[in-house]
Amino acid sequence: MTEQERIEKLEEMVAHLSRIADDLSDVIARQDGDIARLNRKVDMLMRAEAAREADGANSIAVAHQPPPHW
């Protein structure tokens, strides 16, 4: 293999690795957005559940009630 062929092969490998790095970066950025969105939804659900439990302060929370067959 000539030196020129080796250089071309290395350039191809670098281009391929660069494309993979860019693709992975895009995936990570998308996942970061997804995680932020899911965290907001969990926070919203937690607030809604806390408000629901506060509204029914005199009732027993569903999690603490025995199943209906008991």
PDB file of N, CA and C in Angstrom:
ATOM      1  N   MET A   1       0.852  -1.164   0.000  1.00  0.00           N
ATOM      2  CA  MET A   1       0.000   0.000   0.000  1.00  0.00           C
ATOM      3  C   MET A   1       0.904   1.235   0.000  1.00  0.00           C
ATOM      4  N   THR A   2       0.623   2.123  -0.905  1.00  0.00           N
ATOM      5  CA  THR A   2       1.437   3.333  -1.001  1.00  0.00           C
ATOM      6  C   THR A   2       1.052   4.310   0.104  1.00  0.00           C
ATOM      7  N   GLU A   3       1.914   5.265   0.290  1.00  0.00           N
ATOM      8  CA  GLU A   3       1.649   6.265   1.316  1.00  0.00           C
ATOM      9  C   GLU A   3       0.390   7.061   0.974  1.00  0.00           C
ATOM     10  N   GLN A   4       0.181   7.353  -0.287  1.00  0.00           N
ATOM     11  CA  GLN A   4      -1.021   8.079  -0.712  1.00  0.00           C
ATOM     12  C   GLN A   4      -2.286   7.265  -0.401  1.00  0.00           C
ATOM     13  N   GLU A   5      -2.242   5.957  -0.620  1.00  0.00           N
ATOM     14  CA  GLU A   5      -3.392   5.099  -0.329  1.00  0.00           C
ATOM     15  C   GLU A   5      -3.659   5.068   1.179  1.00  0.00           C
ATOM     16  N   ARG A   6      -2.586   5.019   1.952  1.00  0.00           N
ATOM     17  CA  ARG A   6      -2.746   5.033   3.410  1.00  0.00           C
ATOM     18  C   ARG A   6      -3.386   6.338   3.872  1.00  0.00           C
ATOM     19  N   ILE A   7      -2.943   7.448   3.302  1.00  0.00           N
ATOM     20  CA  ILE A   7      -3.500   8.754   3.662  1.00  0.00           C
ATOM     21  C   ILE A   7      -4.983   8.815   3.295  1.00  0.00           C
ATOM     22  N   GLU A   8      -5.323   8.322   2.100  1.00  0.00           N
ATOM     23  CA  GLU A   8      -6.717   8.335   1.678  1.00  0.00           C
ATOM     24  C   GLU A   8      -7.575   7.465   2.590  1.00  0.00           C
ATOM     25  N   LYS A   9      -7.033   6.306   2.954  1.00  0.00           N
ATOM     26  CA  LYS A   9      -7.770   5.413   3.854  1.00  0.00           C
ATOM     27  C   LYS A   9      -7.985   6.082   5.211  1.00  0.00           C
ATOM     28  N   LEU A  10      -6.955   6.727   5.731  1.00  0.00           N
ATOM     29  CA  LEU A  10      -7.082   7.436   7.002  1.00  0.00           C
ATOM     30  C   LEU A  10      -8.071   8.591   6.902  1.00  0.00           C
ATOM     31  N   GLU A  11      -8.059   9.303   5.783  1.00  0.00           N
ATOM     32  CA  GLU A  11      -9.010  10.405   5.591  1.00  0.00           C
ATOM     33  C   GLU A  11     -10.445   9.873   5.554  1.00  0.00           C
ATOM     34  N   GLU A  12     -10.645   8.736   4.929  1.00  0.00           N
ATOM     35  CA  GLU A  12     -11.975   8.117   4.900  1.00  0.00           C
ATOM     36  C   GLU A  12     -12.418   7.736   6.304  1.00  0.00           C
ATOM     37  N   MET A  13     -11.487   7.164   7.063  1.00  0.00           N
ATOM     38  CA  MET A  13     -11.814   6.768   8.430  1.00  0.00           C
ATOM     39  C   MET A  13     -12.159   7.982   9.289  1.00  0.00           C
ATOM     40  N   VAL A  14     -11.404   9.064   9.136  1.00  0.00           N
ATOM     41  CA  VAL A  14     -11.670  10.285   9.900  1.00  0.00           C
ATOM     42  C   VAL A  14     -13.033  10.857   9.510  1.00  0.00           C
ATOM     43  N   ALA A  15     -13.347  10.863   8.228  1.00  0.00           N
ATOM     44  CA  ALA A  15     -14.648  11.367   7.773  1.00  0.00           C
ATOM     45  C   ALA A  15     -15.775  10.521   8.351  1.00  0.00           C
ATOM     46  N   HIS A  16     -15.590   9.207   8.341  1.00  0.00           N
ATOM     47  CA  HIS A  16     -16.595   8.304   8.885  1.00  0.00           C
ATOM     48  C   HIS A  16     -16.783   8.546  10.387  1.00  0.00           C
ATOM     49  N   LEU A  17     -15.690   8.639  11.131  1.00  0.00           N
ATOM     50  CA  LEU A  17     -15.768   8.878  12.570  1.00  0.00           C
ATOM     51  C   LEU A  17     -16.377  10.245  12.878  1.00  0.00           C
ATOM     52  N   SER A  18     -16.072  11.219  12.052  1.00  0.00           N
ATOM     53  CA  SER A  18     -16.638  12.556  12.234  1.00  0.00           C
ATOM     54  C   SER A  18     -18.158  12.521  12.048  1.00  0.00           C
ATOM     55  N   ARG A  19     -18.618  11.789  11.032  1.00  0.00           N
ATOM     56  CA  ARG A  19     -20.053  11.666  10.788  1.00  0.00           C
ATOM     57  C   ARG A  19     -20.732  10.953  11.962  1.00  0.00           C
ATOM     58  N   ILE A  20     -20.094   9.906  12.467  1.00  0.00           N
ATOM     59  CA  ILE A  20     -20.650   9.179  13.615  1.00  0.00           C
ATOM     60  C   ILE A  20     -20.732  10.099  14.837  1.00  0.00           C
ATOM     61  N   ALA A  21     -19.700  10.883  15.074  1.00  0.00           N
ATOM     62  CA  ALA A  21     -19.697  11.807  16.211  1.00  0.00           C
ATOM     63  C   ALA A  21     -20.825  12.829  16.063  1.00  0.00           C
ATOM     64  N   ASP A  22     -21.030  13.348  14.865  1.00  0.00           N
ATOM     65  CA  ASP A  22     -22.117  14.303  14.623  1.00  0.00           C
ATOM     66  C   ASP A  22     -23.481  13.643  14.859  1.00  0.00           C
ATOM     67  N   ASP A  23     -23.650  12.419  14.367  1.00  0.00           N
ATOM     68  CA  ASP A  23     -24.908  11.693  14.566  1.00  0.00           C
ATOM     69  C   ASP A  23     -25.175  11.469  16.054  1.00  0.00           C
ATOM     70  N   LEU A  24     -24.151  11.063  16.779  1.00  0.00           N
ATOM     71  CA  LEU A  24     -24.307  10.833  18.218  1.00  0.00           C
ATOM     72  C   LEU A  24     -24.618  12.125  18.962  1.00  0.00           C
ATOM     73  N   SER A  25     -24.013  13.201  18.533  1.00  0.00           N
ATOM     74  CA  SER A  25     -24.291  14.498  19.140  1.00  0.00           C
ATOM     75  C   SER A  25     -25.753  14.880  18.939  1.00  0.00           C
ATOM     76  N   ASP A  26     -26.286  14.633  17.742  1.00  0.00           N
ATOM     77  CA  ASP A  26     -27.692  14.912  17.467  1.00  0.00           C
ATOM     78  C   ASP A  26     -28.598  14.059  18.353  1.00  0.00           C
ATOM     79  N   VAL A  27     -28.249  12.797  18.526  1.00  0.00           N
ATOM     80  CA  VAL A  27     -29.045  11.900  19.368  1.00  0.00           C
ATOM     81  C   VAL A  27     -29.041  12.398  20.810  1.00  0.00           C
ATOM     82  N   ILE A  28     -27.878  12.775  21.295  1.00  0.00           N
ATOM     83  CA  ILE A  28     -27.768  13.256  22.672  1.00  0.00           C
ATOM     84  C   ILE A  28     -28.573  14.533  22.859  1.00  0.00           C
ATOM     85  N   ALA A  29     -28.507  15.437  21.895  1.00  0.00           N
ATOM     86  CA  ALA A  29     -29.274  16.687  21.990  1.00  0.00           C
ATOM     87  C   ALA A  29     -30.769  16.396  22.009  1.00  0.00           C
ATOM     88  N   ARG A  30     -31.222  15.480  21.176  1.00  0.00           N
ATOM     89  CA  ARG A  30     -32.635  15.110  21.143  1.00  0.00           C
ATOM     90  C   ARG A  30     -33.059  14.460  22.466  1.00  0.00           C
ATOM     91  N   GLN A  31     -32.217  13.573  22.985  1.00  0.00           N
ATOM     92  CA  GLN A  31     -32.528  12.919  24.251  1.00  0.00           C
ATOM     93  C   GLN A  31     -32.563  13.923  25.397  1.00  0.00           C
ATOM     94  N   ASP A  32     -31.691  14.916  25.364  1.00  0.00           N
ATOM     95  CA  ASP A  32     -31.690  15.946  26.396  1.00  0.00           C
ATOM     96  C   ASP A  32     -33.021  16.693  26.389  1.00  0.00           C
ATOM     97  N   GLY A  33     -33.511  17.015  25.195  1.00  0.00           N
ATOM     98  CA  GLY A  33     -34.819  17.667  25.084  1.00  0.00           C
ATOM     99  C   GLY A  33     -35.934  16.773  25.582  1.00  0.00           C
ATOM    100  N   ASP A  34     -35.873  15.493  25.232  1.00  0.00           N
ATOM    101  CA  ASP A  34     -36.889  14.542  25.695  1.00  0.00           C
ATOM    102  C   ASP A  34     -36.887  14.434  27.217  1.00  0.00           C
ATOM    103  N   ILE A  35     -35.709  14.349  27.804  1.00  0.00           N
ATOM    104  CA  ILE A  35     -35.600  14.233  29.264  1.00  0.00           C
ATOM    105  C   ILE A  35     -36.147  15.488  29.935  1.00  0.00           C
ATOM    106  N   ALA A  36     -35.832  16.654  29.401  1.00  0.00           N
ATOM    107  CA  ALA A  36     -36.342  17.902  29.974  1.00  0.00           C
ATOM    108  C   ALA A  36     -37.868  17.932  29.893  1.00  0.00           C
ATOM    109  N   ARG A  37     -38.421  17.515  28.753  1.00  0.00           N
ATOM    110  CA  ARG A  37     -39.877  17.489  28.579  1.00  0.00           C
ATOM    111  C   ARG A  37     -40.520  16.507  29.558  1.00  0.00           C
ATOM    112  N   LEU A  38     -39.928  15.335  29.695  1.00  0.00           N
ATOM    113  CA  LEU A  38     -40.469  14.335  30.623  1.00  0.00           C
ATOM    114  C   LEU A  38     -40.371  14.807  32.071  1.00  0.00           C
ATOM    115  N   ASN A  39     -39.284  15.479  32.416  1.00  0.00           N
ATOM    116  CA  ASN A  39     -39.153  16.018  33.776  1.00  0.00           C
ATOM    117  C   ASN A  39     -40.242  17.044  34.060  1.00  0.00           C
ATOM    118  N   ARG A  40     -40.545  17.888  33.068  1.00  0.00           N
ATOM    119  CA  ARG A  40     -41.621  18.871  33.249  1.00  0.00           C
ATOM    120  C   ARG A  40     -42.961  18.166  33.461  1.00  0.00           C
ATOM    121  N   LYS A  41     -43.203  17.108  32.682  1.00  0.00           N
ATOM    122  CA  LYS A  41     -44.459  16.365  32.831  1.00  0.00           C
ATOM    123  C   LYS A  41     -44.553  15.688  34.195  1.00  0.00           C
ATOM    124  N   VAL A  42     -43.462  15.103  34.652  1.00  0.00           N
ATOM    125  CA  VAL A  42     -43.466  14.463  35.980  1.00  0.00           C
ATOM    126  C   VAL A  42     -43.725  15.517  37.055  1.00  0.00           C
ATOM    127  N   ASP A  43     -43.069  16.665  36.942  1.00  0.00           N
ATOM    128  CA  ASP A  43     -43.307  17.732  37.921  1.00  0.00           C
ATOM    129  C   ASP A  43     -44.769  18.153  37.911  1.00  0.00           C
ATOM    130  N   MET A  44     -45.350  18.296  36.721  1.00  0.00           N
ATOM    131  CA  MET A  44     -46.750  18.689  36.598  1.00  0.00           C
ATOM    132  C   MET A  44     -47.653  17.632  37.245  1.00  0.00           C
ATOM    133  N   LEU A  45     -47.365  16.363  36.984  1.00  0.00           N
ATOM    134  CA  LEU A  45     -48.164  15.288  37.571  1.00  0.00           C
ATOM    135  C   LEU A  45     -48.023  15.246  39.089  1.00  0.00           C
ATOM    136  N   MET A  46     -46.824  15.469  39.582  1.00  0.00           N
ATOM    137  CA  MET A  46     -46.606  15.482  41.027  1.00  0.00           C
ATOM    138  C   MET A  46     -47.385  16.628  41.680  1.00  0.00           C
ATOM    139  N   ARG A  47     -47.376  17.806  41.053  1.00  0.00           N
ATOM    140  CA  ARG A  47     -48.142  18.934  41.595  1.00  0.00           C
ATOM    141  C   ARG A  47     -49.639  18.636  41.552  1.00  0.00           C
ATOM    142  N   ALA A  48     -50.100  18.059  40.443  1.00  0.00           N
ATOM    143  CA  ALA A  48     -51.519  17.732  40.325  1.00  0.00           C
ATOM    144  C   ALA A  48     -51.930  16.700  41.375  1.00  0.00           C
ATOM    145  N   GLU A  49     -51.102  15.713  41.595  1.00  0.00           N
ATOM    146  CA  GLU A  49     -51.411  14.688  42.597  1.00  0.00           C
ATOM    147  C   GLU A  49     -51.397  15.282  43.998  1.00  0.00           C
ATOM    148  N   ALA A  50     -50.434  16.156  44.273  1.00  0.00           N
ATOM    149  CA  ALA A  50     -50.378  16.805  45.585  1.00  0.00           C
ATOM    150  C   ALA A  50     -51.627  17.657  45.802  1.00  0.00           C
ATOM    151  N   ALA A  51     -52.061  18.360  44.762  1.00  0.00           N
ATOM    152  CA  ALA A  51     -53.270  19.175  44.875  1.00  0.00           C
ATOM    153  C   ALA A  51     -54.491  18.286  45.066  1.00  0.00           C
ATOM    154  N   ARG A  52     -54.545  17.184  44.359  1.00  0.00           N
ATOM    155  CA  ARG A  52     -55.674  16.261  44.492  1.00  0.00           C
ATOM    156  C   ARG A  52     -55.729  15.689  45.902  1.00  0.00           C
ATOM    157  N   GLU A  53     -54.595  15.304  46.437  1.00  0.00           N
ATOM    158  CA  GLU A  53     -54.554  14.773  47.803  1.00  0.00           C
ATOM    159  C   GLU A  53     -54.915  15.847  48.819  1.00  0.00           C
ATOM    160  N   ALA A  54     -54.478  17.093  48.563  1.00  0.00           N
ATOM    161  CA  ALA A  54     -54.799  18.188  49.482  1.00  0.00           C
ATOM    162  C   ALA A  54     -56.298  18.483  49.455  1.00  0.00           C
ATOM    163  N   ASP A  55     -56.926  18.381  48.290  1.00  0.00           N
ATOM    164  CA  ASP A  55     -58.368  18.619  48.181  1.00  0.00           C
ATOM    165  C   ASP A  55     -59.157  17.557  48.925  1.00  0.00           C
ATOM    166  N   GLY A  56     -58.659  16.360  48.947  1.00  0.00           N
ATOM    167  CA  GLY A  56     -59.344  15.272  49.633  1.00  0.00           C
ATOM    168  C   GLY A  56     -58.675  14.955  50.952  1.00  0.00           C
ATOM    169  N   ALA A  57     -58.316  15.975  51.711  1.00  0.00           N
ATOM    170  CA  ALA A  57     -57.564  15.785  52.956  1.00  0.00           C
ATOM    171  C   ALA A  57     -58.296  14.889  53.948  1.00  0.00           C
ATOM    172  N   ASN A  58     -59.628  14.855  53.911  1.00  0.00           N
ATOM    173  CA  ASN A  58     -60.383  14.039  54.856  1.00  0.00           C
ATOM    174  C   ASN A  58     -60.522  12.592  54.393  1.00  0.00           C
ATOM    175  N   SER A  59     -60.160  12.323  53.144  1.00  0.00           N
ATOM    176  CA  SER A  59     -60.302  10.965  52.623  1.00  0.00           C
ATOM    177  C   SER A  59     -58.961  10.240  52.684  1.00  0.00           C
ATOM    178  N   ILE A  60     -59.019   8.951  52.578  1.00  0.00           N
ATOM    179  CA  ILE A  60     -57.807   8.134  52.588  1.00  0.00           C
ATOM    180  C   ILE A  60     -57.264   8.089  51.158  1.00  0.00           C
ATOM    181  N   ALA A  61     -55.968   8.292  51.023  1.00  0.00           N
ATOM    182  CA  ALA A  61     -55.349   8.242  49.699  1.00  0.00           C
ATOM    183  C   ALA A  61     -55.540   6.856  49.099  1.00  0.00           C
ATOM    184  N   VAL A  62     -55.726   6.809  47.808  1.00  0.00           N
ATOM    185  CA  VAL A  62     -55.964   5.543  47.118  1.00  0.00           C
ATOM    186  C   VAL A  62     -54.844   4.551  47.406  1.00  0.00           C
ATOM    187  N   ALA A  63     -53.631   5.020  47.492  1.00  0.00           N
ATOM    188  CA  ALA A  63     -52.491   4.130  47.734  1.00  0.00           C
ATOM    189  C   ALA A  63     -52.571   3.472  49.105  1.00  0.00           C
ATOM    190  N   HIS A  64     -53.297   4.087  50.042  1.00  0.00           N
ATOM    191  CA  HIS A  64     -53.376   3.550  51.394  1.00  0.00           C
ATOM    192  C   HIS A  64     -54.683   2.798  51.660  1.00  0.00           C
ATOM    193  N   GLN A  65     -55.537   2.687  50.664  1.00  0.00           N
ATOM    194  CA  GLN A  65     -56.791   1.956  50.834  1.00  0.00           C
ATOM    195  C   GLN A  65     -56.582   0.488  50.509  1.00  0.00           C
ATOM    196  N   PRO A  66     -57.265  -0.389  51.248  1.00  0.00           N
ATOM    197  CA  PRO A  66     -57.174  -1.806  50.906  1.00  0.00           C
ATOM    198  C   PRO A  66     -57.904  -2.078  49.582  1.00  0.00           C
ATOM    199  N   PRO A  67     -57.507  -3.090  48.870  1.00  0.00           N
ATOM    200  CA  PRO A  67     -58.193  -3.426  47.616  1.00  0.00           C
ATOM    201  C   PRO A  67     -59.659  -3.728  47.884  1.00  0.00           C
ATOM    202  N   PRO A  68     -60.553  -3.541  46.892  1.00  0.00           N
ATOM    203  CA  PRO A  68     -61.981  -3.725  47.101  1.00  0.00           C
ATOM    204  C   PRO A  68     -62.365  -5.131  47.518  1.00  0.00           C
ATOM    205  N   HIS A  69     -61.574  -6.136  47.227  1.00  0.00           N
ATOM    206  CA  HIS A  69     -61.942  -7.509  47.575  1.00  0.00           C
ATOM    207  C   HIS A  69     -61.644  -7.847  49.035  1.00  0.00           C
ATOM    208  N   TRP A  70     -61.097  -6.939  49.812  1.00  0.00           N
ATOM    209  CA  TRP A  70     -60.805  -7.216  51.221  1.00  0.00           C
ATOM    210  C   TRP A  70     -62.012  -6.964  52.060  1.00  0.00           C
TER     211      TRP A  70
END
